[in-house]
Amino acid sequence: MIKLTVPLAMEQFFRILVSSVDTFMLSTFSEQAVAGVGLVGQYVFFIQILFNVVCIGASIVLAQYLGAEKSDDELNYISQASSVMITVISLILTAVVILGIGPLLNCYTLADEVRNSAYNYFVIFGGYCAVFTAFSLLQSAILRSYGYTRDAMIVTIVANLINVGGNALALYTPFFKGHEVEGVAWASGASMIISCIILQIMIVRKKDVKFSLKGIFKVPSRVYQMILKIGIPTAGENLSYNVANIMQTAMFSTLGTEVMSAHVYTQTIIRFAYALSIAIGGATQIKTGYYVGAKQSDVAYKKLFLYWMFATISSVSLVGVLNIFKTPIISLFTKDTEVTAPIVSTLMLVSFYIEFGRCMNLIFVGGLKGSGDIKFPVVYGIFSMWSIIVGLGWFLGIYCGLGIVGFWLAVGTEETTRGIAMVLRWRSKRWMKHAIV
């Protein structure tokens, strides 16, 4: 578990660093650019969730197949089918992004500079570079399923270095004068392209990883069905969460650019606090798949409570450290001490509430997914997200006049109540009857 978790934590840290570096470096250029890129960042994440329909499905099936010691051909079928599906999805989404970004941004009340920044960043990184983002996610998921979390971590570090260098070139040299946001988008895209190349080299060199494209169009249809049966509802939970947050953003975007910027800055800072919990949740999913595939569900049941305890202590402690040093941290992002900085400071305090509940979700939903119990987290999650994140968010933020703080309190309430529901589901042991193999 430690060998899985530590590289996953480092990978999450550096993945978060990609968007954080974009935000930090853009903040030295323009507050409007930060708001625009932050706005479409949700949609970039939304696209990645759609890719995860395949990636998550493939990783869960692979984990259980490896635990059950399935044949090399069966393992290779999973990689082949997921490659075909990820290609089709990414090409379709590229077309949707390029054609649909204009009408999408018209749904928001935005200043011209914010709108232009959002448009340019999304078309380049979310559109033209989508296929490379998709394959890097799939390649990393396959490596992690085989236990090679360290390799995925190394590639993420390399990608970050490329991204930082590209951002510096775009923002601090005359080469992209007047097109700085486009340059930042291409820097992120270049990091994904190079990641794909390096990850494929790593996969080819590892003889135990079954990822041959020979006979790729002869994969049995049952393999596609199995991946989608797991992947669609599993990603559906993440999809619903993201759409609910997009609805929230649409509501508080009317509160002004300063509020939007404060929201983006706080998210950028706090993401580092739950990187470890995300890693433990990912490792939990892999380990649970192994245990269930090997017919050791009772071991998985006991282990999960230990993982949850460690994740909660780690994440909440990190939120505490960030709050202790929040004044100098906030000053790195904004010099607006009258409006933006106080909002960020308040939201960082609310993050204690959010992260406590989020830890329960990440660990127990990861365990439920790894076991093959997909339907319950999705159905409950959709109800919870839309009734609390959107419904309660509107009530507290708009009706009660709490503004962005009310929306964040709603997120914390949703995370906590849904986390409790997932714990109760795990304790019921009903998930034990949902094994794939």
Protein backbone atom coordinates (compact mmCIF):
# COMPACT_ATOMS: atom_id res chain seq x y z
CA MET A 1 0.00 0.00 0.00
CA ILE A 2 2.83 2.39 0.83
CA LYS A 3 4.57 1.61 -2.47
CA LEU A 4 1.33 2.44 -4.29
CA THR A 5 0.39 5.50 -2.25
CA VAL A 6 3.64 7.49 -2.10
CA PRO A 7 4.17 7.70 -5.90
CA LEU A 8 0.44 8.35 -6.37
CA ALA A 9 0.61 11.19 -3.85
CA MET A 10 3.60 12.68 -5.65
CA GLU A 11 1.83 12.28 -8.99
CA GLN A 12 -1.28 14.02 -7.66
CA PHE A 13 0.89 16.77 -6.18
CA PHE A 14 2.54 17.45 -9.51
CA ARG A 15 -0.70 17.14 -11.49
CA ILE A 16 -2.19 19.79 -9.23
CA LEU A 17 0.99 21.79 -9.67
CA VAL A 18 0.33 22.02 -13.43
CA SER A 19 -2.88 24.01 -12.94
CA SER A 20 -1.43 25.85 -9.94
CA VAL A 21 1.59 27.00 -11.92
CA ASP A 22 -0.72 28.20 -14.69
CA THR A 23 -2.77 30.16 -12.15
CA PHE A 24 0.23 31.60 -10.31
CA MET A 25 2.11 32.63 -13.45
CA LEU A 26 -1.03 34.05 -15.06
CA SER A 27 -1.73 36.06 -11.89
CA THR A 28 1.49 38.00 -12.58
CA PHE A 29 0.07 38.83 -16.00
CA SER A 30 -3.66 39.54 -15.54
CA GLU A 31 -6.45 38.96 -13.00
CA GLN A 32 -8.89 38.65 -15.93
CA ALA A 33 -6.79 35.89 -17.48
CA VAL A 34 -6.87 34.01 -14.16
CA ALA A 35 -10.65 34.25 -14.01
CA GLY A 36 -11.03 33.10 -17.63
CA VAL A 37 -8.68 30.13 -17.37
CA GLY A 38 -10.16 29.21 -13.98
CA LEU A 39 -13.64 29.23 -15.47
CA VAL A 40 -12.87 26.84 -18.34
CA GLY A 41 -10.64 24.77 -16.04
CA GLN A 42 -13.84 23.17 -14.80
CA TYR A 43 -14.69 22.13 -18.34
CA VAL A 44 -11.20 20.76 -18.93
CA PHE A 45 -11.76 18.62 -15.84
CA PHE A 46 -15.20 17.72 -17.19
CA ILE A 47 -13.58 16.42 -20.38
CA GLN A 48 -11.08 14.39 -18.37
CA ILE A 49 -13.99 12.81 -16.50
CA LEU A 50 -15.41 11.64 -19.83
CA PHE A 51 -12.02 10.11 -20.65
CA ASN A 52 -12.15 8.40 -17.27
CA VAL A 53 -15.21 6.47 -18.40
CA VAL A 54 -12.66 4.30 -20.17
CA CYS A 55 -9.66 4.81 -17.87
CA ILE A 56 -11.45 3.97 -14.62
CA GLY A 57 -13.32 1.06 -16.16
CA ALA A 58 -10.10 -0.39 -17.57
CA SER A 59 -8.18 0.04 -14.30
CA ILE A 60 -10.85 -1.59 -12.13
CA VAL A 61 -11.24 -4.56 -14.48
CA LEU A 62 -7.46 -4.92 -14.76
CA ALA A 63 -7.03 -4.85 -10.97
CA GLN A 64 -9.55 -7.65 -10.45
CA TYR A 65 -8.16 -9.64 -13.39
CA LEU A 66 -4.63 -9.39 -11.99
CA GLY A 67 -5.87 -10.48 -8.57
CA ALA A 68 -7.61 -13.44 -10.20
CA GLU A 69 -4.47 -14.21 -12.30
CA LYS A 70 -6.22 -14.07 -15.68
CA SER A 71 -4.37 -15.00 -18.90
CA ASP A 72 -2.12 -12.60 -20.85
CA ASP A 73 -4.64 -12.49 -23.71
CA GLU A 74 -7.46 -11.46 -21.37
CA LEU A 75 -5.29 -8.72 -19.85
CA ASN A 76 -4.27 -7.46 -23.29
CA TYR A 77 -7.89 -7.29 -24.43
CA ILE A 78 -8.55 -4.69 -21.73
CA SER A 79 -5.73 -2.42 -22.96
CA GLN A 80 -6.72 -2.82 -26.61
CA ALA A 81 -10.42 -2.12 -26.10
CA SER A 82 -9.71 0.92 -23.93
CA SER A 83 -7.33 2.32 -26.59
CA VAL A 84 -10.00 2.11 -29.29
CA MET A 85 -12.63 3.75 -27.11
CA ILE A 86 -10.37 6.55 -25.84
CA THR A 87 -9.45 7.45 -29.43
CA VAL A 88 -13.08 7.72 -30.54
CA ILE A 89 -14.13 9.74 -27.47
CA SER A 90 -11.23 12.20 -27.71
CA LEU A 91 -11.83 12.94 -31.40
CA ILE A 92 -15.53 13.56 -30.80
CA LEU A 93 -14.82 15.85 -27.85
CA THR A 94 -12.25 17.84 -29.85
CA ALA A 95 -14.94 18.70 -32.38
CA VAL A 96 -17.48 19.51 -29.65
CA VAL A 97 -15.07 21.88 -27.87
CA ILE A 98 -14.08 23.80 -30.99
CA LEU A 99 -17.67 24.22 -32.17
CA GLY A 100 -19.34 24.68 -28.80
CA ILE A 101 -17.08 26.99 -26.74
CA GLY A 102 -18.59 30.20 -28.16
CA PRO A 103 -22.22 29.40 -27.28
CA LEU A 104 -21.08 28.02 -23.91
CA LEU A 105 -19.36 31.23 -22.84
CA ASN A 106 -22.41 33.23 -23.90
CA CYS A 107 -24.21 31.60 -20.95
CA TYR A 108 -21.97 33.53 -18.53
CA THR A 109 -21.84 37.22 -17.61
CA LEU A 110 -18.17 37.95 -18.34
CA ALA A 111 -15.88 40.88 -19.10
CA ASP A 112 -14.42 40.80 -22.63
CA GLU A 113 -10.86 39.98 -21.48
CA VAL A 114 -12.12 37.15 -19.28
CA ARG A 115 -14.18 35.77 -22.16
CA ASN A 116 -11.26 35.92 -24.63
CA SER A 117 -8.88 34.24 -22.20
CA ALA A 118 -11.37 31.46 -21.52
CA TYR A 119 -12.04 30.94 -25.24
CA ASN A 120 -8.39 30.76 -26.33
CA TYR A 121 -7.24 28.49 -23.49
CA PHE A 122 -10.10 26.02 -23.88
CA VAL A 123 -9.91 25.70 -27.68
CA ILE A 124 -6.18 24.93 -27.54
CA PHE A 125 -5.77 22.77 -24.43
CA GLY A 126 -9.28 21.35 -24.16
CA GLY A 127 -9.73 20.95 -27.93
CA TYR A 128 -6.63 20.51 -30.05
CA CYS A 129 -4.68 18.71 -27.31
CA ALA A 130 -7.56 16.53 -26.05
CA VAL A 131 -6.36 13.29 -27.69
CA PHE A 132 -2.96 13.56 -25.98
CA THR A 133 -4.54 14.27 -22.60
CA ALA A 134 -6.78 11.22 -23.10
CA PHE A 135 -3.96 8.84 -23.91
CA SER A 136 -1.73 10.06 -21.10
CA LEU A 137 -4.58 9.38 -18.64
CA LEU A 138 -5.14 5.89 -20.08
CA GLN A 139 -1.46 4.99 -20.16
CA SER A 140 -1.02 6.14 -16.54
CA ALA A 141 -4.12 4.18 -15.44
CA ILE A 142 -2.78 0.99 -17.01
CA LEU A 143 0.65 1.39 -15.43
CA ARG A 144 -0.90 2.04 -12.01
CA SER A 145 -3.10 -1.06 -12.29
CA TYR A 146 0.04 -3.15 -12.74
CA GLY A 147 1.57 -1.48 -9.68
CA TYR A 148 3.91 0.89 -11.54
CA THR A 149 2.80 4.07 -9.79
CA ARG A 150 6.39 5.37 -9.61
CA ASP A 151 6.69 5.50 -13.40
CA ALA A 152 3.50 7.54 -13.76
CA MET A 153 4.85 9.90 -11.09
CA ILE A 154 8.13 10.43 -12.97
CA VAL A 155 6.31 11.32 -16.17
CA THR A 156 4.10 13.81 -14.31
CA ILE A 157 7.19 15.55 -12.91
CA VAL A 158 8.68 15.82 -16.41
CA ALA A 159 5.38 17.20 -17.72
CA ASN A 160 5.41 19.88 -15.03
CA LEU A 161 8.91 21.00 -15.90
CA ILE A 162 7.87 21.31 -19.54
CA ASN A 163 4.76 23.23 -18.53
CA VAL A 164 6.68 25.69 -16.34
CA GLY A 165 9.25 26.30 -19.06
CA GLY A 166 6.54 26.85 -21.65
CA ASN A 167 4.63 29.24 -19.36
CA ALA A 168 7.78 31.28 -18.77
CA LEU A 169 8.38 31.47 -22.51
CA ALA A 170 4.79 32.60 -23.14
CA LEU A 171 4.53 35.17 -20.35
CA TYR A 172 8.02 36.59 -19.89
CA THR A 173 9.46 36.73 -23.42
CA PRO A 174 8.39 38.75 -26.48
CA PHE A 175 7.65 35.64 -28.58
CA PHE A 176 3.96 35.49 -27.51
CA LYS A 177 3.40 39.23 -27.09
CA GLY A 178 -0.37 39.77 -27.14
CA HIS A 179 -1.01 36.00 -27.11
CA GLU A 180 0.17 35.07 -23.63
CA VAL A 181 -2.87 32.94 -22.69
CA GLU A 182 -2.58 30.96 -25.93
CA GLY A 183 1.09 30.35 -25.13
CA VAL A 184 0.22 29.02 -21.67
CA ALA A 185 -2.36 26.69 -23.23
CA TRP A 186 0.14 25.35 -25.76
CA ALA A 187 2.68 24.80 -22.95
CA SER A 188 0.18 22.59 -21.11
CA GLY A 189 -0.62 20.79 -24.37
CA ALA A 190 3.07 20.17 -25.11
CA SER A 191 3.48 18.60 -21.67
CA MET A 192 0.69 16.12 -22.51
CA ILE A 193 2.20 15.25 -25.91
CA ILE A 194 5.60 14.47 -24.43
CA SER A 195 3.94 12.55 -21.57
CA CYS A 196 2.25 10.24 -24.10
CA ILE A 197 5.56 9.48 -25.78
CA ILE A 198 7.42 8.75 -22.53
CA LEU A 199 4.59 6.64 -21.07
CA GLN A 200 4.39 4.49 -24.21
CA ILE A 201 8.14 3.84 -24.07
CA MET A 202 7.79 2.77 -20.43
CA ILE A 203 4.87 0.44 -21.24
CA VAL A 204 6.74 -1.23 -24.10
CA ARG A 205 9.78 -1.86 -21.88
CA LYS A 206 7.77 -3.57 -19.12
CA LYS A 207 7.25 -7.15 -20.25
CA ASP A 208 4.55 -7.91 -17.66
CA VAL A 209 2.34 -5.03 -18.86
CA LYS A 210 0.09 -6.38 -21.59
CA PHE A 211 -0.51 -3.56 -24.07
CA SER A 212 0.03 -4.85 -27.61
CA LEU A 213 -1.98 -3.32 -30.46
CA LYS A 214 -1.61 -6.43 -32.62
CA GLY A 215 -5.10 -7.76 -33.39
CA ILE A 216 -6.70 -4.68 -31.81
CA PHE A 217 -9.86 -5.00 -33.93
CA LYS A 218 -10.42 -8.62 -32.92
CA VAL A 219 -11.18 -7.87 -29.27
CA PRO A 220 -14.41 -9.63 -28.15
CA SER A 221 -17.37 -7.29 -27.71
CA ARG A 222 -17.84 -8.54 -24.13
CA VAL A 223 -14.60 -6.73 -23.17
CA TYR A 224 -15.95 -3.38 -24.37
CA GLN A 225 -19.19 -4.03 -22.54
CA MET A 226 -17.40 -4.94 -19.31
CA ILE A 227 -15.25 -1.78 -19.33
CA LEU A 228 -18.23 0.45 -20.09
CA LYS A 229 -20.41 -1.33 -17.53
CA ILE A 230 -17.91 -0.31 -14.86
CA GLY A 231 -16.61 2.91 -16.39
CA ILE A 232 -19.83 4.72 -17.31
CA PRO A 233 -21.50 4.69 -13.90
CA THR A 234 -18.17 5.15 -12.09
CA ALA A 235 -17.26 8.21 -14.12
CA GLY A 236 -20.90 9.25 -13.87
CA GLU A 237 -20.40 10.06 -10.21
CA ASN A 238 -17.47 12.36 -11.02
CA LEU A 239 -19.36 13.79 -13.98
CA SER A 240 -22.36 14.70 -11.86
CA TYR A 241 -20.11 16.33 -9.26
CA ASN A 242 -18.38 18.44 -11.89
CA VAL A 243 -21.61 19.52 -13.59
CA ALA A 244 -23.08 20.49 -10.21
CA ASN A 245 -19.99 22.62 -9.52
CA ILE A 246 -20.30 24.19 -12.97
CA MET A 247 -23.86 25.15 -12.05
CA GLN A 248 -22.56 26.67 -8.84
CA THR A 249 -19.97 28.67 -10.75
CA ALA A 250 -22.62 29.96 -13.13
CA MET A 251 -24.56 31.24 -10.12
CA PHE A 252 -21.70 32.99 -8.34
CA SER A 253 -20.07 34.28 -11.55
CA THR A 254 -22.59 37.14 -11.25
CA LEU A 255 -20.90 38.23 -8.00
CA GLY A 256 -17.95 39.78 -9.85
CA THR A 257 -14.44 39.06 -11.14
CA GLU A 258 -12.90 39.44 -7.66
CA VAL A 259 -15.10 36.64 -6.30
CA MET A 260 -14.29 34.41 -9.28
CA SER A 261 -10.57 35.04 -8.81
CA ALA A 262 -10.79 34.36 -5.05
CA HIS A 263 -12.55 31.07 -5.77
CA VAL A 264 -9.82 30.03 -8.24
CA TYR A 265 -6.99 31.07 -5.91
CA THR A 266 -8.43 29.18 -2.92
CA GLN A 267 -9.01 26.04 -4.95
CA THR A 268 -5.44 26.28 -6.23
CA ILE A 269 -4.04 26.49 -2.69
CA ILE A 270 -6.27 23.90 -1.02
CA ARG A 271 -5.83 21.26 -3.74
CA PHE A 272 -2.43 20.47 -2.28
CA ALA A 273 -4.07 19.51 1.02
CA TYR A 274 -6.08 16.66 -0.41
CA ALA A 275 -3.45 15.34 -2.86
CA LEU A 276 -2.57 12.63 -0.34
CA SER A 277 -6.22 11.68 0.19
CA ILE A 278 -6.70 11.40 -3.57
CA ALA A 279 -3.64 9.17 -3.71
CA ILE A 280 -4.87 6.94 -0.88
CA GLY A 281 -8.28 6.76 -2.56
CA GLY A 282 -6.65 5.67 -5.83
CA ALA A 283 -4.45 3.12 -4.09
CA THR A 284 -7.49 1.89 -2.14
CA GLN A 285 -9.33 1.27 -5.40
CA ILE A 286 -6.43 -0.75 -6.81
CA LYS A 287 -5.87 -2.76 -3.61
CA THR A 288 -9.57 -3.47 -3.17
CA GLY A 289 -9.68 -4.76 -6.75
CA TYR A 290 -6.76 -7.07 -6.04
CA TYR A 291 -8.29 -8.35 -2.80
CA VAL A 292 -11.73 -8.91 -4.34
CA GLY A 293 -10.23 -10.65 -7.38
CA ALA A 294 -8.22 -12.88 -5.03
CA LYS A 295 -11.33 -13.69 -2.94
CA GLN A 296 -10.06 -11.76 0.12
CA SER A 297 -12.93 -9.30 0.64
CA ASP A 298 -12.72 -9.53 4.44
CA VAL A 299 -9.16 -8.20 4.32
CA ALA A 300 -10.27 -5.28 2.18
CA TYR A 301 -13.10 -4.50 4.61
CA LYS A 302 -10.76 -4.06 7.58
CA LYS A 303 -8.00 -2.24 5.71
CA LEU A 304 -10.28 0.52 4.45
CA PHE A 305 -10.94 1.98 7.90
CA LEU A 306 -7.19 2.34 8.47
CA TYR A 307 -6.77 4.07 5.11
CA TRP A 308 -9.60 6.47 5.97
CA MET A 309 -8.07 7.37 9.35
CA PHE A 310 -4.67 8.10 7.79
CA ALA A 311 -6.16 10.13 4.93
CA THR A 312 -8.30 12.27 7.25
CA ILE A 313 -5.47 13.06 9.66
CA SER A 314 -3.12 13.91 6.79
CA SER A 315 -5.52 16.08 4.80
CA VAL A 316 -6.98 18.06 7.70
CA SER A 317 -3.49 18.64 9.15
CA LEU A 318 -2.30 20.03 5.83
CA VAL A 319 -5.30 22.37 5.70
CA GLY A 320 -4.26 23.56 9.15
CA VAL A 321 -0.68 24.23 8.02
CA LEU A 322 -1.92 26.15 4.97
CA ASN A 323 -4.17 28.27 7.19
CA ILE A 324 -1.30 29.08 9.55
CA PHE A 325 0.76 30.43 6.64
CA LYS A 326 -2.14 31.68 4.53
CA THR A 327 -1.23 35.38 4.59
CA PRO A 328 2.11 35.01 2.75
CA ILE A 329 0.62 32.28 0.52
CA ILE A 330 -2.30 34.48 -0.56
CA SER A 331 0.08 37.36 -1.27
CA LEU A 332 1.79 35.18 -3.88
CA PHE A 333 -1.42 35.17 -5.92
CA THR A 334 -3.01 38.58 -5.41
CA LYS A 335 -2.16 42.06 -4.19
CA ASP A 336 -5.85 42.94 -3.75
CA THR A 337 -5.94 43.07 0.06
CA GLU A 338 -9.30 44.82 0.29
CA VAL A 339 -11.59 42.39 -1.55
CA THR A 340 -9.95 39.25 -2.96
CA ALA A 341 -7.52 38.36 -0.14
CA PRO A 342 -10.14 38.44 2.70
CA ILE A 343 -12.46 36.19 0.67
CA VAL A 344 -9.64 33.69 0.09
CA SER A 345 -8.79 33.76 3.80
CA THR A 346 -12.39 32.96 4.77
CA LEU A 347 -12.72 30.17 2.20
CA MET A 348 -9.56 28.53 3.50
CA LEU A 349 -11.20 28.24 6.93
CA VAL A 350 -14.29 26.65 5.36
CA SER A 351 -11.94 24.12 3.75
CA PHE A 352 -11.56 22.29 7.10
CA TYR A 353 -15.22 21.30 6.81
CA ILE A 354 -14.92 20.34 3.15
CA GLU A 355 -11.78 18.22 3.50
CA PHE A 356 -13.09 16.19 6.44
CA GLY A 357 -16.06 15.02 4.39
CA ARG A 358 -14.07 14.69 1.18
CA CYS A 359 -11.71 12.18 2.81
CA MET A 360 -14.64 9.85 3.54
CA ASN A 361 -15.77 10.07 -0.07
CA LEU A 362 -12.37 9.49 -1.61
CA ILE A 363 -11.57 6.44 0.49
CA PHE A 364 -14.91 4.67 0.73
CA VAL A 365 -16.05 5.43 -2.79
CA GLY A 366 -12.64 4.17 -3.96
CA GLY A 367 -13.22 0.95 -2.05
CA LEU A 368 -16.74 0.53 -3.42
CA LYS A 369 -15.55 1.15 -6.98
CA GLY A 370 -12.67 -1.28 -6.64
CA SER A 371 -15.06 -3.97 -5.42
CA GLY A 372 -17.35 -3.47 -8.41
CA ASP A 373 -20.18 -1.89 -6.39
CA ILE A 374 -20.91 0.97 -8.76
CA LYS A 375 -24.65 1.67 -8.79
CA PHE A 376 -25.11 2.84 -5.19
CA PRO A 377 -22.38 5.56 -5.17
CA VAL A 378 -23.62 6.93 -8.48
CA VAL A 379 -27.34 7.02 -7.69
CA TYR A 380 -26.85 8.45 -4.22
CA GLY A 381 -24.18 10.85 -5.46
CA ILE A 382 -26.36 12.35 -8.18
CA PHE A 383 -29.18 12.96 -5.70
CA SER A 384 -26.82 14.41 -3.09
CA MET A 385 -24.86 16.66 -5.44
CA TRP A 386 -27.82 18.30 -7.10
CA SER A 387 -29.93 18.71 -3.99
CA ILE A 388 -27.11 20.00 -1.77
CA ILE A 389 -24.32 21.48 -3.94
CA VAL A 390 -26.77 23.21 -6.29
CA GLY A 391 -29.94 23.51 -4.18
CA LEU A 392 -28.41 24.32 -0.79
CA GLY A 393 -25.69 26.34 -2.51
CA TRP A 394 -28.28 28.63 -4.09
CA PHE A 395 -30.17 28.90 -0.79
CA LEU A 396 -27.12 29.86 1.28
CA GLY A 397 -25.21 31.81 -1.34
CA ILE A 398 -27.97 33.75 -3.11
CA TYR A 399 -31.15 33.61 -1.01
CA CYS A 400 -29.43 34.02 2.38
CA GLY A 401 -26.85 36.42 0.94
CA LEU A 402 -23.74 34.55 2.12
CA GLY A 403 -22.17 34.78 -1.33
CA ILE A 404 -19.27 32.51 -2.23
CA VAL A 405 -18.93 31.38 1.41
CA GLY A 406 -22.46 29.97 1.29
CA PHE A 407 -21.64 28.00 -1.84
CA TRP A 408 -18.54 26.53 -0.21
CA LEU A 409 -20.48 25.62 2.95
CA ALA A 410 -22.91 23.72 0.73
CA VAL A 411 -20.02 21.77 -0.82
CA GLY A 412 -18.77 20.84 2.66
CA THR A 413 -22.24 19.68 3.71
CA GLU A 414 -22.58 17.54 0.58
CA GLU A 415 -19.14 15.96 1.02
CA THR A 416 -19.81 15.12 4.67
CA THR A 417 -23.32 13.68 4.31
CA ARG A 418 -22.38 11.65 1.22
CA GLY A 419 -19.25 10.41 2.96
CA ILE A 420 -21.34 9.13 5.88
CA ALA A 421 -23.63 7.31 3.43
CA MET A 422 -20.62 5.61 1.79
CA VAL A 423 -19.29 4.50 5.17
CA LEU A 424 -22.65 2.93 6.00
CA ARG A 425 -22.70 1.17 2.62
CA TRP A 426 -19.23 -0.25 3.25
CA ARG A 427 -20.19 -1.43 6.73
CA SER A 428 -23.24 -3.22 5.30
CA LYS A 429 -20.89 -5.45 3.21
CA ARG A 430 -23.40 -5.49 0.36
CA TRP A 431 -20.55 -4.58 -1.99
CA MET A 432 -19.10 -8.08 -1.55
CA LYS A 433 -21.60 -9.54 -4.01
CA HIS A 434 -20.61 -7.21 -6.88
CA ALA A 435 -17.24 -8.72 -7.84
CA ILE A 436 -16.47 -8.85 -11.59
CA VAL A 437 -14.58 -12.15 -11.34
